[in-house]
Amino acid sequence: MEDVRVAPDVRLLPHRRLRLIVFVGCVLIFGAWAQFYFPNLQVKRNPTSEPDLSAAKEKAEPLLQALEKYRADNGLYPATLDQLRPSYVSSTWGPHSYRYSARYNDWVFKSDECVEREKSLRGWILKEANEYHNEVTEFKLECVTGYRYYQLQSRNFPLDPQLRYIDRWAYYDSSNRQWSLGWCSHPRSRGAAVGVNGVCRWAEHGVPDPW
């Protein structure tokens, strides 16, 4: 008589499937947490971070004073640092050693038409980085009259061999008038960059230097 065997049912039972989903979810959450936690710990414990932050804060003080004077005179912070020259900073002083920006909800627009136009700059943008950068710059010149609050980001601190894959900088938020450390970890493979307080930037990404 022919030997007939029935293949075992390999489908997971509902409770086992739920356990697998929970396990995979925990692994993913831990991985995301570790990508942030360990670089952040390295940055905070690095002995050069605090001196570099202090130096950046001291260097930025004339610029912060100029921005506050501009706001006192005009009711808003400027849309670009070029608006500070020559009345608020010397034409020979280089405020562009810091990246000046603001969150979208702190932009003040010149017209309702600009409000509608601004919506096209958000969401999923299928454009080259240079093209999008130029479009935003043109929009700000034509439509943004100033900022309610702003953020200031210094150039990257000198590279520390102990933090080979991490860029660091100083970050200032005028809404709470606080300085903090910003950092961005270089992906060692084709992974996503991880960072906090500011904008990650590398020459190989093809993004123009914002200074």
C-alpha atoms as a PDB file:
ATOM      1  CA  MET A   1       0.000   0.000   0.000  1.00  0.00           C
ATOM      2  CA  GLU A   2       1.312   3.445  -0.912  1.00  0.00           C
ATOM      3  CA  ASP A   3       2.503   5.503   2.050  1.00  0.00           C
ATOM      4  CA  VAL A   4       0.626   8.814   2.027  1.00  0.00           C
ATOM      5  CA  ARG A   5       1.830  11.572   4.353  1.00  0.00           C
ATOM      6  CA  VAL A   6       0.076  14.843   5.049  1.00  0.00           C
ATOM      7  CA  ALA A   7       2.263  17.971   5.234  1.00  0.00           C
ATOM      8  CA  PRO A   8       2.101  19.584   8.657  1.00  0.00           C
ATOM      9  CA  ASP A   9       0.180  22.856   8.994  1.00  0.00           C
ATOM     10  CA  VAL A  10       2.889  25.471   9.492  1.00  0.00           C
ATOM     11  CA  ARG A  11       0.526  28.404   9.913  1.00  0.00           C
ATOM     12  CA  LEU A  12       1.042  30.273  13.126  1.00  0.00           C
ATOM     13  CA  LEU A  13      -1.706  30.240  15.653  1.00  0.00           C
ATOM     14  CA  PRO A  14      -3.180  33.684  16.436  1.00  0.00           C
ATOM     15  CA  HIS A  15      -1.457  34.012  19.803  1.00  0.00           C
ATOM     16  CA  ARG A  16       1.901  32.989  18.320  1.00  0.00           C
ATOM     17  CA  ARG A  17       1.476  35.444  15.461  1.00  0.00           C
ATOM     18  CA  LEU A  18       0.777  38.201  17.966  1.00  0.00           C
ATOM     19  CA  ARG A  19       3.902  37.309  19.940  1.00  0.00           C
ATOM     20  CA  LEU A  20       5.997  37.463  16.754  1.00  0.00           C
ATOM     21  CA  ILE A  21       4.590  40.872  15.835  1.00  0.00           C
ATOM     22  CA  VAL A  22       5.285  42.187  19.331  1.00  0.00           C
ATOM     23  CA  PHE A  23       8.837  40.789  19.263  1.00  0.00           C
ATOM     24  CA  VAL A  24       9.628  42.329  15.860  1.00  0.00           C
ATOM     25  CA  GLY A  25       8.130  45.644  16.981  1.00  0.00           C
ATOM     26  CA  CYS A  26      10.285  45.665  20.120  1.00  0.00           C
ATOM     27  CA  VAL A  27      13.423  44.941  18.086  1.00  0.00           C
ATOM     28  CA  LEU A  28      12.662  47.830  15.719  1.00  0.00           C
ATOM     29  CA  ILE A  29      11.925  50.227  18.573  1.00  0.00           C
ATOM     30  CA  PHE A  30      15.126  49.266  20.377  1.00  0.00           C
ATOM     31  CA  GLY A  31      17.130  49.700  17.179  1.00  0.00           C
ATOM     32  CA  ALA A  32      15.740  53.202  16.618  1.00  0.00           C
ATOM     33  CA  TRP A  33      16.352  54.110  20.262  1.00  0.00           C
ATOM     34  CA  ALA A  34      19.936  52.826  20.156  1.00  0.00           C
ATOM     35  CA  GLN A  35      20.684  54.830  16.980  1.00  0.00           C
ATOM     36  CA  PHE A  36      19.878  57.986  18.909  1.00  0.00           C
ATOM     37  CA  TYR A  37      20.900  57.136  22.470  1.00  0.00           C
ATOM     38  CA  PHE A  38      24.493  55.977  22.001  1.00  0.00           C
ATOM     39  CA  PRO A  39      25.668  58.796  19.668  1.00  0.00           C
ATOM     40  CA  ASN A  40      23.945  61.314  21.942  1.00  0.00           C
ATOM     41  CA  LEU A  41      25.769  59.860  24.932  1.00  0.00           C
ATOM     42  CA  GLN A  42      29.088  60.041  23.065  1.00  0.00           C
ATOM     43  CA  VAL A  43      28.530  63.681  22.161  1.00  0.00           C
ATOM     44  CA  LYS A  44      27.590  64.725  25.694  1.00  0.00           C
ATOM     45  CA  ARG A  45      30.504  62.852  27.293  1.00  0.00           C
ATOM     46  CA  ASN A  46      33.108  64.038  24.805  1.00  0.00           C
ATOM     47  CA  PRO A  47      35.436  66.495  26.613  1.00  0.00           C
ATOM     48  CA  THR A  48      35.609  68.869  23.630  1.00  0.00           C
ATOM     49  CA  SER A  49      31.850  69.351  23.214  1.00  0.00           C
ATOM     50  CA  GLU A  50      31.297  71.883  26.006  1.00  0.00           C
ATOM     51  CA  PRO A  51      34.361  74.057  25.152  1.00  0.00           C
ATOM     52  CA  ASP A  52      33.347  74.064  21.473  1.00  0.00           C
ATOM     53  CA  LEU A  53      29.790  75.006  22.430  1.00  0.00           C
ATOM     54  CA  SER A  54      31.007  77.855  24.637  1.00  0.00           C
ATOM     55  CA  ALA A  55      33.247  79.183  21.865  1.00  0.00           C
ATOM     56  CA  ALA A  56      30.387  79.099  19.357  1.00  0.00           C
ATOM     57  CA  LYS A  57      28.068  80.930  21.777  1.00  0.00           C
ATOM     58  CA  GLU A  58      30.641  83.661  22.371  1.00  0.00           C
ATOM     59  CA  LYS A  59      31.227  84.092  18.645  1.00  0.00           C
ATOM     60  CA  ALA A  60      27.478  84.402  17.990  1.00  0.00           C
ATOM     61  CA  GLU A  61      26.794  87.055  20.640  1.00  0.00           C
ATOM     62  CA  PRO A  62      27.174  90.094  18.286  1.00  0.00           C
ATOM     63  CA  LEU A  63      24.774  88.437  15.847  1.00  0.00           C
ATOM     64  CA  LEU A  64      22.183  87.734  18.562  1.00  0.00           C
ATOM     65  CA  GLN A  65      22.369  91.346  19.699  1.00  0.00           C
ATOM     66  CA  ALA A  66      21.918  92.577  16.126  1.00  0.00           C
ATOM     67  CA  LEU A  67      18.889  90.323  15.631  1.00  0.00           C
ATOM     68  CA  GLU A  68      17.256  91.579  18.835  1.00  0.00           C
ATOM     69  CA  LYS A  69      17.889  95.200  17.812  1.00  0.00           C
ATOM     70  CA  TYR A  70      16.314  94.507  14.394  1.00  0.00           C
ATOM     71  CA  ARG A  71      13.254  92.972  16.053  1.00  0.00           C
ATOM     72  CA  ALA A  72      12.898  95.912  18.439  1.00  0.00           C
ATOM     73  CA  ASP A  73      12.895  98.297  15.462  1.00  0.00           C
ATOM     74  CA  ASN A  74      10.760  96.236  13.058  1.00  0.00           C
ATOM     75  CA  GLY A  75       8.558  93.982  15.167  1.00  0.00           C
ATOM     76  CA  LEU A  76       9.925  90.789  13.568  1.00  0.00           C
ATOM     77  CA  TYR A  77      13.233  89.061  13.029  1.00  0.00           C
ATOM     78  CA  PRO A  78      14.601  89.427   9.468  1.00  0.00           C
ATOM     79  CA  ALA A  79      13.895  86.831   6.803  1.00  0.00           C
ATOM     80  CA  THR A  80      17.601  86.694   5.908  1.00  0.00           C
ATOM     81  CA  LEU A  81      20.775  87.804   7.624  1.00  0.00           C
ATOM     82  CA  ASP A  82      21.562  90.069   4.677  1.00  0.00           C
ATOM     83  CA  GLN A  83      18.833  92.392   5.955  1.00  0.00           C
ATOM     84  CA  LEU A  84      21.040  93.209   8.943  1.00  0.00           C
ATOM     85  CA  ARG A  85      23.627  94.966   6.785  1.00  0.00           C
ATOM     86  CA  PRO A  86      24.728  97.714   7.175  1.00  0.00           C
ATOM     87  CA  SER A  87      22.452  99.135   9.867  1.00  0.00           C
ATOM     88  CA  TYR A  88      22.821  96.350  12.449  1.00  0.00           C
ATOM     89  CA  VAL A  89      26.137  94.666  11.653  1.00  0.00           C
ATOM     90  CA  SER A  90      29.246  95.847   9.899  1.00  0.00           C
ATOM     91  CA  SER A  91      29.337  95.148   6.173  1.00  0.00           C
ATOM     92  CA  THR A  92      32.707  93.472   6.739  1.00  0.00           C
ATOM     93  CA  TRP A  93      31.469  91.122   9.474  1.00  0.00           C
ATOM     94  CA  GLY A  94      30.408  87.673   8.323  1.00  0.00           C
ATOM     95  CA  PRO A  95      27.091  86.670   9.953  1.00  0.00           C
ATOM     96  CA  HIS A  96      26.837  83.784   7.499  1.00  0.00           C
ATOM     97  CA  SER A  97      29.205  81.747   9.633  1.00  0.00           C
ATOM     98  CA  TYR A  98      25.911  80.625  11.194  1.00  0.00           C
ATOM     99  CA  ARG A  99      22.930  79.003   9.485  1.00  0.00           C
ATOM    100  CA  TYR A 100      19.842  81.140  10.057  1.00  0.00           C
ATOM    101  CA  SER A 101      16.388  79.605   9.648  1.00  0.00           C
ATOM    102  CA  ALA A 102      12.875  79.422  11.092  1.00  0.00           C
ATOM    103  CA  ARG A 103      10.098  76.890  11.333  1.00  0.00           C
ATOM    104  CA  TYR A 104       7.340  77.283   8.754  1.00  0.00           C
ATOM    105  CA  ASN A 105       4.755  78.313  11.352  1.00  0.00           C
ATOM    106  CA  ASP A 106       7.018  81.223  12.354  1.00  0.00           C
ATOM    107  CA  TRP A 107       7.187  82.670   8.839  1.00  0.00           C
ATOM    108  CA  VAL A 108       5.228  85.910   8.320  1.00  0.00           C
ATOM    109  CA  PHE A 109       3.951  86.268   4.752  1.00  0.00           C
ATOM    110  CA  LYS A 110       3.401  89.396   2.703  1.00  0.00           C
ATOM    111  CA  SER A 111       0.058  88.318   1.224  1.00  0.00           C
ATOM    112  CA  ASP A 112      -2.610  85.594   1.101  1.00  0.00           C
ATOM    113  CA  GLU A 113      -1.226  84.591  -2.286  1.00  0.00           C
ATOM    114  CA  CYS A 114       2.107  83.858  -0.612  1.00  0.00           C
ATOM    115  CA  VAL A 115       0.335  81.714   1.987  1.00  0.00           C
ATOM    116  CA  GLU A 116      -1.085  79.529  -0.783  1.00  0.00           C
ATOM    117  CA  ARG A 117       2.202  79.454  -2.660  1.00  0.00           C
ATOM    118  CA  GLU A 118       4.037  78.300   0.445  1.00  0.00           C
ATOM    119  CA  LYS A 119       2.002  75.075   0.539  1.00  0.00           C
ATOM    120  CA  SER A 120       3.787  73.877  -2.608  1.00  0.00           C
ATOM    121  CA  LEU A 121       7.080  73.840  -0.683  1.00  0.00           C
ATOM    122  CA  ARG A 122       5.878  71.235   1.800  1.00  0.00           C
ATOM    123  CA  GLY A 123       5.279  67.513   1.620  1.00  0.00           C
ATOM    124  CA  TRP A 124       6.906  65.073  -0.763  1.00  0.00           C
ATOM    125  CA  ILE A 125       9.139  67.137  -3.083  1.00  0.00           C
ATOM    126  CA  LEU A 126      10.387  65.330  -6.192  1.00  0.00           C
ATOM    127  CA  LYS A 127      13.168  67.763  -7.077  1.00  0.00           C
ATOM    128  CA  GLU A 128      16.945  67.913  -6.979  1.00  0.00           C
ATOM    129  CA  ALA A 129      18.315  69.384  -3.738  1.00  0.00           C
ATOM    130  CA  ASN A 130      19.887  72.366  -5.506  1.00  0.00           C
ATOM    131  CA  GLU A 131      16.683  73.145  -7.387  1.00  0.00           C
ATOM    132  CA  TYR A 132      14.558  72.983  -4.236  1.00  0.00           C
ATOM    133  CA  HIS A 133      17.052  75.110  -2.288  1.00  0.00           C
ATOM    134  CA  ASN A 134      16.941  77.811  -4.975  1.00  0.00           C
ATOM    135  CA  GLU A 135      13.133  77.706  -5.068  1.00  0.00           C
ATOM    136  CA  VAL A 136      12.869  78.213  -1.300  1.00  0.00           C
ATOM    137  CA  THR A 137      15.399  81.064  -1.432  1.00  0.00           C
ATOM    138  CA  GLU A 138      13.440  82.814  -4.192  1.00  0.00           C
ATOM    139  CA  PHE A 139      10.166  82.330  -2.312  1.00  0.00           C
ATOM    140  CA  LYS A 140      11.560  83.838   0.878  1.00  0.00           C
ATOM    141  CA  LEU A 141      12.817  86.904  -0.969  1.00  0.00           C
ATOM    142  CA  GLU A 142       9.446  87.450  -2.649  1.00  0.00           C
ATOM    143  CA  CYS A 143       6.997  86.394   0.067  1.00  0.00           C
ATOM    144  CA  VAL A 144       8.465  86.300   3.584  1.00  0.00           C
ATOM    145  CA  THR A 145       8.594  89.596   5.426  1.00  0.00           C
ATOM    146  CA  GLY A 146      10.178  88.202   8.606  1.00  0.00           C
ATOM    147  CA  TYR A 147      10.180  85.576  11.357  1.00  0.00           C
ATOM    148  CA  ARG A 148       8.439  85.441  14.740  1.00  0.00           C
ATOM    149  CA  TYR A 149      11.226  83.227  16.082  1.00  0.00           C
ATOM    150  CA  TYR A 150      14.373  81.793  14.543  1.00  0.00           C
ATOM    151  CA  GLN A 151      17.003  79.078  14.917  1.00  0.00           C
ATOM    152  CA  LEU A 152      20.751  79.541  14.588  1.00  0.00           C
ATOM    153  CA  GLN A 153      23.168  76.727  13.794  1.00  0.00           C
ATOM    154  CA  SER A 154      26.940  77.091  13.909  1.00  0.00           C
ATOM    155  CA  ARG A 155      29.389  75.503  11.567  1.00  0.00           C
ATOM    156  CA  ASN A 156      30.447  72.004  12.530  1.00  0.00           C
ATOM    157  CA  PHE A 157      32.875  71.789  15.413  1.00  0.00           C
ATOM    158  CA  PRO A 158      36.383  70.530  14.596  1.00  0.00           C
ATOM    159  CA  LEU A 159      36.275  66.810  13.962  1.00  0.00           C
ATOM    160  CA  ASP A 160      37.247  64.738  16.994  1.00  0.00           C
ATOM    161  CA  PRO A 161      38.871  61.354  16.236  1.00  0.00           C
ATOM    162  CA  GLN A 162      36.829  59.820  19.059  1.00  0.00           C
ATOM    163  CA  LEU A 163      33.655  60.869  17.207  1.00  0.00           C
ATOM    164  CA  ARG A 164      34.722  59.847  13.750  1.00  0.00           C
ATOM    165  CA  TYR A 165      31.211  59.344  12.392  1.00  0.00           C
ATOM    166  CA  ILE A 166      29.503  62.242  14.176  1.00  0.00           C
ATOM    167  CA  ASP A 167      29.269  65.927  13.235  1.00  0.00           C
ATOM    168  CA  ARG A 168      28.576  68.388  16.061  1.00  0.00           C
ATOM    169  CA  TRP A 169      27.495  72.027  16.211  1.00  0.00           C
ATOM    170  CA  ALA A 170      25.935  74.683  18.441  1.00  0.00           C
ATOM    171  CA  TYR A 171      22.176  75.298  18.106  1.00  0.00           C
ATOM    172  CA  TYR A 172      20.198  78.305  19.358  1.00  0.00           C
ATOM    173  CA  ASP A 173      16.408  78.643  19.527  1.00  0.00           C
ATOM    174  CA  SER A 174      15.091  82.172  20.071  1.00  0.00           C
ATOM    175  CA  SER A 175      11.683  80.928  21.297  1.00  0.00           C
ATOM    176  CA  ASN A 176      13.237  79.779  24.569  1.00  0.00           C
ATOM    177  CA  ARG A 177      16.581  81.623  24.232  1.00  0.00           C
ATOM    178  CA  GLN A 178      18.473  78.405  24.859  1.00  0.00           C
ATOM    179  CA  TRP A 179      21.695  77.013  23.374  1.00  0.00           C
ATOM    180  CA  SER A 180      22.140  73.276  22.956  1.00  0.00           C
ATOM    181  CA  LEU A 181      24.384  70.757  21.256  1.00  0.00           C
ATOM    182  CA  GLY A 182      23.360  69.524  17.854  1.00  0.00           C
ATOM    183  CA  TRP A 183      24.764  66.455  16.159  1.00  0.00           C
ATOM    184  CA  CYS A 184      24.339  64.136  13.211  1.00  0.00           C
ATOM    185  CA  SER A 185      25.724  60.626  12.850  1.00  0.00           C
ATOM    186  CA  HIS A 186      27.134  59.613   9.469  1.00  0.00           C
ATOM    187  CA  PRO A 187      25.535  56.421   8.172  1.00  0.00           C
ATOM    188  CA  ARG A 188      28.380  53.928   7.807  1.00  0.00           C
ATOM    189  CA  SER A 189      26.362  52.132   5.168  1.00  0.00           C
ATOM    190  CA  ARG A 190      23.347  53.134   3.107  1.00  0.00           C
ATOM    191  CA  GLY A 191      21.249  53.821   6.146  1.00  0.00           C
ATOM    192  CA  ALA A 192      19.332  56.909   7.177  1.00  0.00           C
ATOM    193  CA  ALA A 193      21.145  59.703   8.974  1.00  0.00           C
ATOM    194  CA  VAL A 194      20.268  60.273  12.626  1.00  0.00           C
ATOM    195  CA  GLY A 195      20.562  63.681  14.205  1.00  0.00           C
ATOM    196  CA  VAL A 196      19.103  66.262  16.548  1.00  0.00           C
ATOM    197  CA  ASN A 197      18.969  70.070  16.778  1.00  0.00           C
ATOM    198  CA  GLY A 198      19.750  71.263  13.293  1.00  0.00           C
ATOM    199  CA  VAL A 199      20.478  70.140   9.762  1.00  0.00           C
ATOM    200  CA  CYS A 200      22.822  67.327   8.764  1.00  0.00           C
ATOM    201  CA  ARG A 201      24.976  68.332   5.823  1.00  0.00           C
ATOM    202  CA  TRP A 202      27.769  66.645   3.924  1.00  0.00           C
ATOM    203  CA  ALA A 203      29.396  67.696   0.662  1.00  0.00           C
ATOM    204  CA  GLU A 204      28.817  64.288  -0.883  1.00  0.00           C
ATOM    205  CA  HIS A 205      25.049  64.770  -0.579  1.00  0.00           C
ATOM    206  CA  GLY A 206      25.137  67.561  -3.157  1.00  0.00           C
ATOM    207  CA  VAL A 207      23.386  70.066  -0.867  1.00  0.00           C
ATOM    208  CA  PRO A 208      24.749  73.622  -1.279  1.00  0.00           C
ATOM    209  CA  ASP A 209      26.635  75.158   1.579  1.00  0.00           C
ATOM    210  CA  PRO A 210      24.070  77.348   3.387  1.00  0.00           C
ATOM    211  CA  TRP A 211      26.547  79.832   4.829  1.00  0.00           C
END
